[in-house]
Amino acid sequence: GPHSHSFNVSPDNRFAIAAEFGTDKLSVFRFDAAAGSLTPADPPSVPLKPGSAPRHFTFHPDGRVAYSLNEIDNTVTVLAYDAARGAFHELEILSTLPGDFTGRNTSAEVLAHPSGKFLYTSNRGLNTIAVFAIDESGRLRLVTNVPCGGRTPRGFSLDPSGRWLITANQDTHNLAVFAINEATGIPAPTGQSLEVRTPVCVKFLPRSR
């Protein structure tokens, strides 16, 4: 049944998108920031592949394309975005897994690099961060999967500079730090790891002045 797993506001702050895990769709709302109110957009939802289970969602930095990470079938749906209407249409669907993987896996987090050149997703089971290259149209190419530095990477985050990636490895109770190669986008382990009980999400806040 209905199960809103994540909620994102568009870059222009005019629309809000809920990833509906249980109904395989993205619900789209007009967002009035002054009133704090939501009303269904036209169209009010975006249907995704049956059984895909959209979990998390992110926009490309330029706001023209968005990405839905689908937990059950381990895919990313690439969507063109019409900012005037808050409307989406599907461009492509790609797997987050290597072609030869046969084990159990569920996808968890998705984030675009601030440069707009790379997309990252996390795989729980394979225990990796999948690295995608983004072309000029916003479409993807799977580059590699990098071990996440633990087990069950339920969340991860990119620092605002785009130099560092930190994984939240739920079942090994640690945050692992990676340095991102500026040219390839591939994260490399720094050897730094912090023990944190059952981490599931990492967020950066602006420095106070």
N, C-alpha and C. Protein backbone atom coordinates (compact mmCIF):
# COMPACT_ATOMS: atom_id res chain seq x y z
N GLY A 1 0.82 -1.20 0.00
CA GLY A 1 0.00 0.00 0.00
C GLY A 1 0.85 1.25 0.00
N PRO A 2 0.23 2.44 0.06
CA PRO A 2 0.97 3.70 0.04
C PRO A 2 2.02 3.76 1.14
N HIS A 3 3.19 4.21 0.80
CA HIS A 3 4.32 4.25 1.72
C HIS A 3 5.29 5.30 1.20
N SER A 4 5.14 6.52 1.67
CA SER A 4 6.02 7.61 1.21
C SER A 4 7.37 7.47 1.90
N HIS A 5 8.40 7.12 1.13
CA HIS A 5 9.69 6.81 1.73
C HIS A 5 10.61 8.01 1.80
N SER A 6 10.47 8.98 0.91
CA SER A 6 11.30 10.18 0.96
C SER A 6 10.55 11.34 0.34
N PHE A 7 11.05 12.56 0.60
CA PHE A 7 10.35 13.76 0.18
C PHE A 7 11.39 14.81 -0.20
N ASN A 8 11.29 15.35 -1.41
CA ASN A 8 12.28 16.31 -1.90
C ASN A 8 11.59 17.53 -2.49
N VAL A 9 12.18 18.69 -2.27
CA VAL A 9 11.68 19.93 -2.85
C VAL A 9 12.51 20.25 -4.09
N SER A 10 11.86 20.76 -5.15
CA SER A 10 12.55 21.08 -6.39
C SER A 10 13.53 22.23 -6.18
N PRO A 11 14.54 22.35 -7.06
CA PRO A 11 15.54 23.41 -6.89
C PRO A 11 14.96 24.82 -6.83
N ASP A 12 13.84 25.07 -7.51
CA ASP A 12 13.24 26.40 -7.48
C ASP A 12 12.23 26.58 -6.34
N ASN A 13 12.07 25.55 -5.50
CA ASN A 13 11.22 25.61 -4.31
C ASN A 13 9.72 25.71 -4.63
N ARG A 14 9.33 25.31 -5.87
CA ARG A 14 7.93 25.44 -6.29
C ARG A 14 7.16 24.12 -6.25
N PHE A 15 7.89 23.00 -6.26
CA PHE A 15 7.25 21.69 -6.27
C PHE A 15 7.92 20.78 -5.24
N ALA A 16 7.18 19.77 -4.81
CA ALA A 16 7.71 18.77 -3.88
C ALA A 16 7.34 17.39 -4.40
N ILE A 17 8.27 16.45 -4.22
CA ILE A 17 8.11 15.12 -4.79
C ILE A 17 8.26 14.08 -3.69
N ALA A 18 7.27 13.20 -3.58
CA ALA A 18 7.32 12.09 -2.62
C ALA A 18 7.55 10.79 -3.38
N ALA A 19 8.55 10.02 -2.95
CA ALA A 19 8.78 8.69 -3.53
C ALA A 19 7.88 7.70 -2.81
N GLU A 20 6.90 7.16 -3.55
CA GLU A 20 5.89 6.29 -2.96
C GLU A 20 6.30 4.83 -3.15
N PHE A 21 6.99 4.31 -2.16
CA PHE A 21 7.55 2.95 -2.20
C PHE A 21 6.50 1.89 -2.52
N GLY A 22 5.33 2.00 -1.90
CA GLY A 22 4.34 0.93 -2.00
C GLY A 22 3.45 0.99 -3.22
N THR A 23 3.45 2.11 -3.95
CA THR A 23 2.56 2.24 -5.10
C THR A 23 3.32 2.46 -6.40
N ASP A 24 4.64 2.40 -6.36
CA ASP A 24 5.49 2.51 -7.56
C ASP A 24 5.21 3.78 -8.35
N LYS A 25 5.20 4.90 -7.64
CA LYS A 25 5.01 6.18 -8.32
C LYS A 25 5.69 7.29 -7.53
N LEU A 26 5.88 8.41 -8.19
CA LEU A 26 6.30 9.65 -7.54
C LEU A 26 5.09 10.56 -7.47
N SER A 27 4.72 10.99 -6.28
CA SER A 27 3.64 11.96 -6.12
C SER A 27 4.23 13.36 -6.19
N VAL A 28 3.60 14.24 -6.96
CA VAL A 28 4.12 15.59 -7.19
C VAL A 28 3.12 16.62 -6.66
N PHE A 29 3.62 17.59 -5.91
CA PHE A 29 2.79 18.61 -5.30
C PHE A 29 3.31 20.01 -5.65
N ARG A 30 2.39 20.95 -5.82
CA ARG A 30 2.79 22.35 -5.83
C ARG A 30 3.05 22.77 -4.39
N PHE A 31 4.14 23.48 -4.19
CA PHE A 31 4.57 23.86 -2.84
C PHE A 31 4.52 25.37 -2.70
N ASP A 32 3.72 25.84 -1.74
CA ASP A 32 3.66 27.25 -1.40
C ASP A 32 4.54 27.46 -0.17
N ALA A 33 5.74 28.01 -0.40
CA ALA A 33 6.70 28.14 0.70
C ALA A 33 6.23 29.13 1.75
N ALA A 34 5.50 30.16 1.34
CA ALA A 34 5.04 31.16 2.29
C ALA A 34 3.99 30.57 3.23
N ALA A 35 3.07 29.80 2.67
CA ALA A 35 2.00 29.21 3.48
C ALA A 35 2.38 27.85 4.06
N GLY A 36 3.43 27.23 3.49
CA GLY A 36 3.80 25.89 3.91
C GLY A 36 2.79 24.85 3.48
N SER A 37 2.11 25.11 2.35
CA SER A 37 1.03 24.21 1.93
C SER A 37 1.41 23.43 0.67
N LEU A 38 0.75 22.29 0.50
CA LEU A 38 0.95 21.41 -0.65
C LEU A 38 -0.39 21.17 -1.33
N THR A 39 -0.41 21.24 -2.67
CA THR A 39 -1.59 20.87 -3.44
C THR A 39 -1.13 19.99 -4.60
N PRO A 40 -1.93 19.02 -5.02
CA PRO A 40 -1.50 18.13 -6.10
C PRO A 40 -1.17 18.91 -7.37
N ALA A 41 -0.08 18.54 -8.01
CA ALA A 41 0.31 19.14 -9.28
C ALA A 41 -0.53 18.53 -10.40
N ASP A 42 -0.33 19.02 -11.61
CA ASP A 42 -1.03 18.49 -12.78
C ASP A 42 0.02 18.11 -13.83
N PRO A 43 0.29 16.80 -14.01
CA PRO A 43 -0.33 15.64 -13.36
C PRO A 43 0.14 15.47 -11.92
N PRO A 44 -0.64 14.77 -11.08
CA PRO A 44 -0.31 14.64 -9.67
C PRO A 44 0.71 13.55 -9.34
N SER A 45 1.05 12.72 -10.32
CA SER A 45 1.99 11.64 -10.03
C SER A 45 2.70 11.18 -11.30
N VAL A 46 3.78 10.45 -11.08
CA VAL A 46 4.58 9.88 -12.18
C VAL A 46 4.64 8.38 -11.97
N PRO A 47 4.03 7.57 -12.82
CA PRO A 47 4.11 6.12 -12.64
C PRO A 47 5.49 5.60 -13.00
N LEU A 48 6.00 4.70 -12.18
CA LEU A 48 7.27 4.03 -12.45
C LEU A 48 7.02 2.55 -12.68
N LYS A 49 8.06 1.82 -13.00
CA LYS A 49 7.94 0.41 -13.33
C LYS A 49 7.29 -0.37 -12.19
N PRO A 50 6.27 -1.19 -12.47
CA PRO A 50 5.63 -1.98 -11.41
C PRO A 50 6.64 -2.86 -10.68
N GLY A 51 6.57 -2.84 -9.35
CA GLY A 51 7.47 -3.63 -8.53
C GLY A 51 8.82 -3.01 -8.28
N SER A 52 9.04 -1.79 -8.77
CA SER A 52 10.36 -1.17 -8.61
C SER A 52 10.57 -0.62 -7.21
N ALA A 53 9.52 -0.09 -6.57
CA ALA A 53 9.57 0.45 -5.21
C ALA A 53 10.50 1.64 -5.09
N PRO A 54 10.11 2.81 -5.64
CA PRO A 54 10.94 4.00 -5.50
C PRO A 54 11.17 4.34 -4.03
N ARG A 55 12.42 4.59 -3.68
CA ARG A 55 12.80 4.81 -2.28
C ARG A 55 13.30 6.23 -2.06
N HIS A 56 14.37 6.61 -2.76
CA HIS A 56 14.92 7.95 -2.64
C HIS A 56 14.99 8.61 -4.01
N PHE A 57 15.17 9.92 -4.00
CA PHE A 57 15.01 10.73 -5.20
C PHE A 57 15.94 11.92 -5.09
N THR A 58 16.52 12.34 -6.22
CA THR A 58 17.38 13.53 -6.20
C THR A 58 17.33 14.22 -7.56
N PHE A 59 17.58 15.52 -7.55
CA PHE A 59 17.68 16.29 -8.78
C PHE A 59 19.14 16.41 -9.21
N HIS A 60 19.36 16.50 -10.52
CA HIS A 60 20.65 16.91 -11.04
C HIS A 60 20.87 18.37 -10.63
N PRO A 61 22.11 18.80 -10.41
CA PRO A 61 22.34 20.19 -9.99
C PRO A 61 21.76 21.24 -10.93
N ASP A 62 21.64 20.93 -12.24
CA ASP A 62 21.10 21.94 -13.15
C ASP A 62 19.57 21.97 -13.17
N GLY A 63 18.92 21.04 -12.46
CA GLY A 63 17.48 21.04 -12.33
C GLY A 63 16.71 20.55 -13.54
N ARG A 64 17.39 20.08 -14.59
CA ARG A 64 16.69 19.64 -15.81
C ARG A 64 16.34 18.16 -15.78
N VAL A 65 17.01 17.41 -14.91
CA VAL A 65 16.86 15.95 -14.85
C VAL A 65 16.78 15.55 -13.38
N ALA A 66 16.08 14.44 -13.11
CA ALA A 66 16.01 13.90 -11.75
C ALA A 66 16.20 12.40 -11.81
N TYR A 67 16.47 11.81 -10.64
CA TYR A 67 16.79 10.39 -10.56
C TYR A 67 16.02 9.76 -9.41
N SER A 68 15.28 8.69 -9.71
CA SER A 68 14.59 7.91 -8.68
C SER A 68 15.36 6.62 -8.46
N LEU A 69 15.75 6.37 -7.22
CA LEU A 69 16.39 5.10 -6.88
C LEU A 69 15.32 4.14 -6.40
N ASN A 70 15.27 2.97 -7.03
CA ASN A 70 14.20 2.00 -6.79
C ASN A 70 14.76 0.81 -6.01
N GLU A 71 14.22 0.62 -4.80
CA GLU A 71 14.83 -0.28 -3.84
C GLU A 71 14.75 -1.75 -4.23
N ILE A 72 13.59 -2.22 -4.66
CA ILE A 72 13.38 -3.66 -4.82
C ILE A 72 14.04 -4.20 -6.08
N ASP A 73 13.93 -3.48 -7.20
CA ASP A 73 14.55 -4.01 -8.43
C ASP A 73 15.94 -3.43 -8.69
N ASN A 74 16.47 -2.66 -7.72
CA ASN A 74 17.86 -2.18 -7.78
C ASN A 74 18.14 -1.43 -9.09
N THR A 75 17.31 -0.42 -9.34
CA THR A 75 17.48 0.38 -10.55
C THR A 75 17.43 1.87 -10.24
N VAL A 76 17.93 2.65 -11.20
CA VAL A 76 17.75 4.11 -11.19
C VAL A 76 16.89 4.47 -12.39
N THR A 77 15.82 5.21 -12.17
CA THR A 77 15.02 5.75 -13.26
C THR A 77 15.45 7.19 -13.51
N VAL A 78 15.85 7.48 -14.75
CA VAL A 78 16.26 8.83 -15.14
C VAL A 78 15.04 9.54 -15.72
N LEU A 79 14.76 10.74 -15.22
CA LEU A 79 13.54 11.47 -15.59
C LEU A 79 13.87 12.88 -16.05
N ALA A 80 13.39 13.27 -17.22
CA ALA A 80 13.48 14.66 -17.64
C ALA A 80 12.46 15.46 -16.84
N TYR A 81 12.81 16.71 -16.50
CA TYR A 81 11.96 17.51 -15.63
C TYR A 81 11.57 18.82 -16.31
N ASP A 82 10.27 19.08 -16.34
CA ASP A 82 9.71 20.33 -16.84
C ASP A 82 9.43 21.22 -15.63
N ALA A 83 10.33 22.17 -15.36
CA ALA A 83 10.22 22.97 -14.15
C ALA A 83 9.01 23.90 -14.16
N ALA A 84 8.51 24.26 -15.33
CA ALA A 84 7.36 25.16 -15.40
C ALA A 84 6.09 24.47 -14.89
N ARG A 85 5.96 23.17 -15.16
CA ARG A 85 4.76 22.43 -14.80
C ARG A 85 4.96 21.47 -13.63
N GLY A 86 6.21 21.23 -13.26
CA GLY A 86 6.48 20.21 -12.26
C GLY A 86 6.20 18.82 -12.79
N ALA A 87 6.44 18.61 -14.09
CA ALA A 87 6.12 17.34 -14.74
C ALA A 87 7.39 16.59 -15.11
N PHE A 88 7.29 15.27 -15.14
CA PHE A 88 8.43 14.41 -15.44
C PHE A 88 8.07 13.43 -16.55
N HIS A 89 9.08 13.02 -17.33
CA HIS A 89 8.88 11.86 -18.19
C HIS A 89 10.16 11.03 -18.21
N GLU A 90 9.95 9.73 -18.30
CA GLU A 90 11.05 8.77 -18.17
C GLU A 90 11.96 8.80 -19.39
N LEU A 91 13.28 8.80 -19.12
CA LEU A 91 14.29 8.72 -20.17
C LEU A 91 14.90 7.34 -20.28
N GLU A 92 15.23 6.72 -19.13
CA GLU A 92 15.86 5.40 -19.14
C GLU A 92 15.84 4.81 -17.74
N ILE A 93 16.10 3.50 -17.67
CA ILE A 93 16.22 2.78 -16.40
C ILE A 93 17.51 1.96 -16.46
N LEU A 94 18.33 2.08 -15.41
CA LEU A 94 19.59 1.33 -15.36
C LEU A 94 19.70 0.59 -14.04
N SER A 95 20.38 -0.57 -14.07
CA SER A 95 20.65 -1.32 -12.85
C SER A 95 21.79 -0.68 -12.08
N THR A 96 21.73 -0.80 -10.75
CA THR A 96 22.82 -0.33 -9.89
C THR A 96 23.86 -1.42 -9.66
N LEU A 97 23.64 -2.61 -10.21
CA LEU A 97 24.47 -3.78 -9.90
C LEU A 97 25.32 -4.22 -11.08
N PRO A 98 26.45 -4.86 -10.82
CA PRO A 98 27.22 -5.48 -11.90
C PRO A 98 26.39 -6.57 -12.58
N GLY A 99 26.64 -6.80 -13.85
CA GLY A 99 25.86 -7.77 -14.61
C GLY A 99 25.95 -9.19 -14.09
N ASP A 100 27.05 -9.53 -13.40
CA ASP A 100 27.24 -10.91 -12.94
C ASP A 100 26.80 -11.12 -11.50
N PHE A 101 26.19 -10.11 -10.85
CA PHE A 101 25.79 -10.27 -9.45
C PHE A 101 24.51 -11.10 -9.36
N THR A 102 24.50 -12.09 -8.45
CA THR A 102 23.35 -12.99 -8.32
C THR A 102 22.80 -13.07 -6.91
N GLY A 103 23.36 -12.34 -5.97
CA GLY A 103 22.91 -12.42 -4.59
C GLY A 103 21.72 -11.53 -4.31
N ARG A 104 21.38 -11.40 -3.03
CA ARG A 104 20.27 -10.54 -2.60
C ARG A 104 20.79 -9.13 -2.37
N ASN A 105 20.02 -8.15 -2.82
CA ASN A 105 20.44 -6.76 -2.67
C ASN A 105 19.21 -5.86 -2.64
N THR A 106 19.31 -4.76 -1.89
CA THR A 106 18.31 -3.69 -1.97
C THR A 106 19.07 -2.36 -2.04
N SER A 107 18.60 -1.48 -2.93
CA SER A 107 19.24 -0.18 -3.08
C SER A 107 18.70 0.78 -2.02
N ALA A 108 19.51 1.80 -1.66
CA ALA A 108 19.11 2.65 -0.54
C ALA A 108 19.16 4.15 -0.85
N GLU A 109 20.34 4.70 -1.11
CA GLU A 109 20.50 6.14 -1.23
C GLU A 109 20.93 6.53 -2.64
N VAL A 110 20.62 7.77 -3.05
CA VAL A 110 21.05 8.29 -4.35
C VAL A 110 21.37 9.77 -4.19
N LEU A 111 22.52 10.20 -4.75
CA LEU A 111 22.92 11.60 -4.72
C LEU A 111 23.70 11.92 -5.98
N ALA A 112 23.51 13.14 -6.48
CA ALA A 112 24.28 13.63 -7.61
C ALA A 112 25.45 14.47 -7.09
N HIS A 113 26.59 14.34 -7.76
CA HIS A 113 27.77 15.13 -7.39
C HIS A 113 27.51 16.60 -7.71
N PRO A 114 28.03 17.53 -6.90
CA PRO A 114 27.82 18.96 -7.17
C PRO A 114 28.27 19.40 -8.56
N SER A 115 29.24 18.70 -9.15
CA SER A 115 29.72 19.05 -10.48
C SER A 115 28.71 18.71 -11.57
N GLY A 116 27.75 17.84 -11.25
CA GLY A 116 26.79 17.36 -12.24
C GLY A 116 27.33 16.28 -13.14
N LYS A 117 28.54 15.78 -12.87
CA LYS A 117 29.17 14.80 -13.75
C LYS A 117 28.96 13.36 -13.30
N PHE A 118 28.57 13.17 -12.03
CA PHE A 118 28.51 11.81 -11.48
C PHE A 118 27.27 11.64 -10.60
N LEU A 119 26.79 10.39 -10.56
CA LEU A 119 25.70 10.01 -9.67
C LEU A 119 26.16 8.81 -8.85
N TYR A 120 25.72 8.77 -7.58
CA TYR A 120 26.10 7.68 -6.69
C TYR A 120 24.85 7.05 -6.08
N THR A 121 24.86 5.73 -5.94
CA THR A 121 23.81 5.02 -5.23
C THR A 121 24.45 4.00 -4.31
N SER A 122 23.70 3.54 -3.30
CA SER A 122 24.26 2.54 -2.39
C SER A 122 23.51 1.22 -2.54
N ASN A 123 24.27 0.14 -2.44
CA ASN A 123 23.75 -1.23 -2.55
C ASN A 123 23.93 -1.97 -1.24
N ARG A 124 22.81 -2.41 -0.65
CA ARG A 124 22.85 -3.20 0.58
C ARG A 124 22.71 -4.67 0.21
N GLY A 125 23.77 -5.39 0.44
CA GLY A 125 23.86 -6.80 0.02
C GLY A 125 25.17 -6.97 -0.70
N LEU A 126 25.31 -6.29 -1.83
CA LEU A 126 26.61 -6.19 -2.49
C LEU A 126 27.55 -5.33 -1.65
N ASN A 127 26.98 -4.39 -0.86
CA ASN A 127 27.72 -3.51 0.06
C ASN A 127 28.72 -2.63 -0.70
N THR A 128 28.16 -1.85 -1.61
CA THR A 128 28.98 -0.98 -2.44
C THR A 128 28.30 0.37 -2.63
N ILE A 129 29.11 1.30 -3.15
CA ILE A 129 28.61 2.54 -3.72
C ILE A 129 28.76 2.39 -5.23
N ALA A 130 27.63 2.46 -5.95
CA ALA A 130 27.67 2.41 -7.41
C ALA A 130 27.98 3.81 -7.93
N VAL A 131 28.89 3.88 -8.91
CA VAL A 131 29.31 5.16 -9.49
C VAL A 131 28.83 5.21 -10.95
N PHE A 132 28.08 6.25 -11.28
CA PHE A 132 27.59 6.47 -12.64
C PHE A 132 28.20 7.75 -13.19
N ALA A 133 28.55 7.73 -14.47
CA ALA A 133 28.90 8.96 -15.18
C ALA A 133 27.62 9.54 -15.78
N ILE A 134 27.48 10.87 -15.72
CA ILE A 134 26.31 11.55 -16.27
C ILE A 134 26.73 12.29 -17.54
N ASP A 135 26.02 12.06 -18.64
CA ASP A 135 26.36 12.77 -19.88
C ASP A 135 25.60 14.10 -19.96
N GLU A 136 25.77 14.82 -21.05
CA GLU A 136 25.20 16.16 -21.17
C GLU A 136 23.67 16.17 -21.14
N SER A 137 23.06 15.04 -21.49
CA SER A 137 21.60 14.96 -21.47
C SER A 137 21.06 14.54 -20.10
N GLY A 138 21.96 14.18 -19.19
CA GLY A 138 21.55 13.69 -17.87
C GLY A 138 21.44 12.18 -17.79
N ARG A 139 21.64 11.49 -18.92
CA ARG A 139 21.60 10.03 -18.91
C ARG A 139 22.86 9.47 -18.25
N LEU A 140 22.77 8.19 -17.87
CA LEU A 140 23.79 7.57 -17.04
C LEU A 140 24.55 6.45 -17.74
N ARG A 141 25.75 6.21 -17.23
CA ARG A 141 26.55 5.04 -17.59
C ARG A 141 27.18 4.51 -16.31
N LEU A 142 26.91 3.23 -15.99
CA LEU A 142 27.51 2.64 -14.78
C LEU A 142 29.01 2.47 -14.99
N VAL A 143 29.79 3.09 -14.10
CA VAL A 143 31.25 3.05 -14.21
C VAL A 143 31.82 1.89 -13.40
N THR A 144 31.43 1.80 -12.13
CA THR A 144 31.98 0.78 -11.25
C THR A 144 31.16 0.71 -9.97
N ASN A 145 31.42 -0.32 -9.17
CA ASN A 145 30.92 -0.41 -7.81
C ASN A 145 32.11 -0.46 -6.86
N VAL A 146 32.10 0.39 -5.83
CA VAL A 146 33.21 0.51 -4.89
C VAL A 146 32.76 -0.02 -3.53
N PRO A 147 33.52 -0.95 -2.90
CA PRO A 147 33.16 -1.42 -1.56
C PRO A 147 32.96 -0.25 -0.60
N CYS A 148 31.91 -0.34 0.23
CA CYS A 148 31.46 0.80 1.02
C CYS A 148 32.21 0.98 2.34
N GLY A 149 33.13 0.08 2.66
CA GLY A 149 33.88 0.21 3.90
C GLY A 149 33.17 -0.38 5.10
N GLY A 150 32.18 -1.24 4.84
CA GLY A 150 31.44 -1.88 5.92
C GLY A 150 30.32 -2.72 5.33
N ARG A 151 29.22 -2.87 6.08
CA ARG A 151 28.07 -3.61 5.59
C ARG A 151 26.80 -2.78 5.71
N THR A 152 25.95 -2.94 4.74
CA THR A 152 24.62 -2.31 4.70
C THR A 152 24.72 -0.79 4.69
N PRO A 153 25.17 -0.22 3.57
CA PRO A 153 25.26 1.24 3.45
C PRO A 153 23.89 1.85 3.23
N ARG A 154 23.16 2.02 4.32
CA ARG A 154 21.79 2.53 4.21
C ARG A 154 21.77 3.99 3.75
N GLY A 155 22.80 4.74 4.11
CA GLY A 155 22.89 6.13 3.67
C GLY A 155 24.33 6.51 3.38
N PHE A 156 24.49 7.62 2.69
CA PHE A 156 25.81 8.23 2.51
C PHE A 156 25.58 9.68 2.16
N SER A 157 26.66 10.46 2.21
CA SER A 157 26.53 11.87 1.87
C SER A 157 27.79 12.35 1.18
N LEU A 158 27.64 13.41 0.40
CA LEU A 158 28.75 14.11 -0.23
C LEU A 158 28.94 15.44 0.49
N ASP A 159 30.18 15.80 0.78
CA ASP A 159 30.37 17.10 1.41
C ASP A 159 30.12 18.20 0.37
N PRO A 160 29.84 19.45 0.81
CA PRO A 160 29.47 20.50 -0.15
C PRO A 160 30.51 20.77 -1.23
N SER A 161 31.79 20.50 -0.94
CA SER A 161 32.84 20.73 -1.94
C SER A 161 32.89 19.65 -3.00
N GLY A 162 32.27 18.50 -2.73
CA GLY A 162 32.32 17.38 -3.65
C GLY A 162 33.61 16.58 -3.58
N ARG A 163 34.44 16.84 -2.57
CA ARG A 163 35.73 16.14 -2.45
C ARG A 163 35.62 14.84 -1.65
N TRP A 164 34.61 14.74 -0.80
CA TRP A 164 34.54 13.62 0.14
C TRP A 164 33.17 12.96 0.09
N LEU A 165 33.17 11.65 0.30
CA LEU A 165 31.95 10.86 0.42
C LEU A 165 32.03 10.08 1.72
N ILE A 166 30.96 10.10 2.49
CA ILE A 166 30.93 9.39 3.79
C ILE A 166 29.76 8.42 3.78
N THR A 167 30.07 7.15 4.02
CA THR A 167 29.03 6.12 4.05
C THR A 167 28.58 5.85 5.48
N ALA A 168 27.29 5.59 5.63
CA ALA A 168 26.72 5.18 6.92
C ALA A 168 26.42 3.69 6.83
N ASN A 169 27.30 2.89 7.38
CA ASN A 169 27.21 1.43 7.27
C ASN A 169 26.48 0.88 8.50
N GLN A 170 25.20 0.60 8.30
CA GLN A 170 24.29 0.32 9.40
C GLN A 170 24.71 -0.89 10.22
N ASP A 171 25.07 -1.99 9.58
CA ASP A 171 25.29 -3.24 10.30
C ASP A 171 26.72 -3.43 10.81
N THR A 172 27.65 -2.56 10.39
CA THR A 172 29.00 -2.60 10.97
C THR A 172 29.25 -1.38 11.85
N HIS A 173 28.21 -0.56 12.05
CA HIS A 173 28.25 0.54 13.02
C HIS A 173 29.42 1.48 12.78
N ASN A 174 29.57 1.89 11.52
CA ASN A 174 30.68 2.81 11.24
C ASN A 174 30.36 3.77 10.11
N LEU A 175 31.01 4.93 10.16
CA LEU A 175 31.05 5.87 9.05
C LEU A 175 32.42 5.73 8.39
N ALA A 176 32.45 5.51 7.08
CA ALA A 176 33.70 5.37 6.35
C ALA A 176 33.87 6.56 5.41
N VAL A 177 35.09 7.09 5.35
CA VAL A 177 35.37 8.30 4.58
C VAL A 177 36.12 7.94 3.30
N PHE A 178 35.67 8.53 2.18
CA PHE A 178 36.27 8.30 0.86
C PHE A 178 36.63 9.64 0.23
N ALA A 179 37.76 9.65 -0.51
CA ALA A 179 38.15 10.81 -1.30
C ALA A 179 37.71 10.60 -2.73
N ILE A 180 37.03 11.57 -3.32
CA ILE A 180 36.49 11.44 -4.68
C ILE A 180 37.49 11.95 -5.70
N ASN A 181 37.82 11.11 -6.68
CA ASN A 181 38.69 11.52 -7.78
C ASN A 181 37.95 12.53 -8.65
N GLU A 182 38.52 13.70 -8.81
CA GLU A 182 37.84 14.78 -9.53
C GLU A 182 37.59 14.43 -10.99
N ALA A 183 38.49 13.66 -11.60
CA ALA A 183 38.37 13.34 -13.02
C ALA A 183 37.42 12.18 -13.28
N THR A 184 37.48 11.13 -12.44
CA THR A 184 36.70 9.93 -12.69
C THR A 184 35.44 9.84 -11.84
N GLY A 185 35.39 10.60 -10.74
CA GLY A 185 34.28 10.51 -9.81
C GLY A 185 34.32 9.32 -8.88
N ILE A 186 35.34 8.49 -9.00
CA ILE A 186 35.41 7.25 -8.20
C ILE A 186 35.91 7.56 -6.79
N PRO A 187 35.18 7.12 -5.76
CA PRO A 187 35.63 7.32 -4.38
C PRO A 187 36.72 6.30 -4.01
N ALA A 188 37.75 6.77 -3.32
CA ALA A 188 38.82 5.90 -2.83
C ALA A 188 38.84 5.97 -1.31
N PRO A 189 38.96 4.82 -0.62
CA PRO A 189 38.96 4.85 0.85
C PRO A 189 40.15 5.62 1.39
N THR A 190 39.92 6.45 2.39
CA THR A 190 41.00 7.20 3.03
C THR A 190 41.60 6.44 4.20
N GLY A 191 40.93 5.38 4.65
CA GLY A 191 41.35 4.66 5.83
C GLY A 191 40.74 5.22 7.11
N GLN A 192 40.00 6.32 6.99
CA GLN A 192 39.35 6.90 8.16
C GLN A 192 37.96 6.29 8.36
N SER A 193 37.70 5.84 9.57
CA SER A 193 36.42 5.24 9.90
C SER A 193 36.08 5.60 11.33
N LEU A 194 34.82 5.97 11.56
CA LEU A 194 34.36 6.39 12.87
C LEU A 194 33.27 5.45 13.35
N GLU A 195 33.40 4.95 14.56
CA GLU A 195 32.38 4.06 15.12
C GLU A 195 31.16 4.87 15.53
N VAL A 196 30.00 4.50 14.97
CA VAL A 196 28.73 5.14 15.30
C VAL A 196 27.68 4.03 15.35
N ARG A 197 26.87 4.02 16.38
CA ARG A 197 25.91 2.94 16.56
C ARG A 197 24.79 3.03 15.51
N THR A 198 24.70 2.02 14.67
CA THR A 198 23.62 1.85 13.69
C THR A 198 23.38 3.13 12.86
N PRO A 199 24.37 3.65 12.17
CA PRO A 199 24.15 4.86 11.38
C PRO A 199 23.31 4.57 10.14
N VAL A 200 22.39 5.48 9.82
CA VAL A 200 21.53 5.29 8.65
C VAL A 200 21.52 6.50 7.71
N CYS A 201 22.00 7.66 8.17
CA CYS A 201 21.93 8.86 7.35
C CYS A 201 23.04 9.82 7.76
N VAL A 202 23.60 10.53 6.80
CA VAL A 202 24.63 11.53 7.07
C VAL A 202 24.21 12.83 6.39
N LYS A 203 24.24 13.95 7.14
CA LYS A 203 23.91 15.26 6.60
C LYS A 203 24.99 16.27 6.99
N PHE A 204 25.28 17.20 6.09
CA PHE A 204 26.18 18.31 6.39
C PHE A 204 25.37 19.57 6.67
N LEU A 205 25.83 20.36 7.63
CA LEU A 205 25.22 21.64 7.95
C LEU A 205 26.22 22.75 7.67
N PRO A 206 25.75 23.95 7.28
CA PRO A 206 26.68 25.07 7.08
C PRO A 206 27.40 25.41 8.38
N ARG A 207 28.64 25.87 8.23
CA ARG A 207 29.37 26.33 9.42
C ARG A 207 28.68 27.58 10.00
N SER A 208 28.61 27.64 11.33
CA SER A 208 28.08 28.85 11.95
C SER A 208 29.13 29.95 11.89
N ARG A 209 28.69 31.19 11.80
CA ARG A 209 29.63 32.31 11.68
C ARG A 209 29.74 33.06 12.99
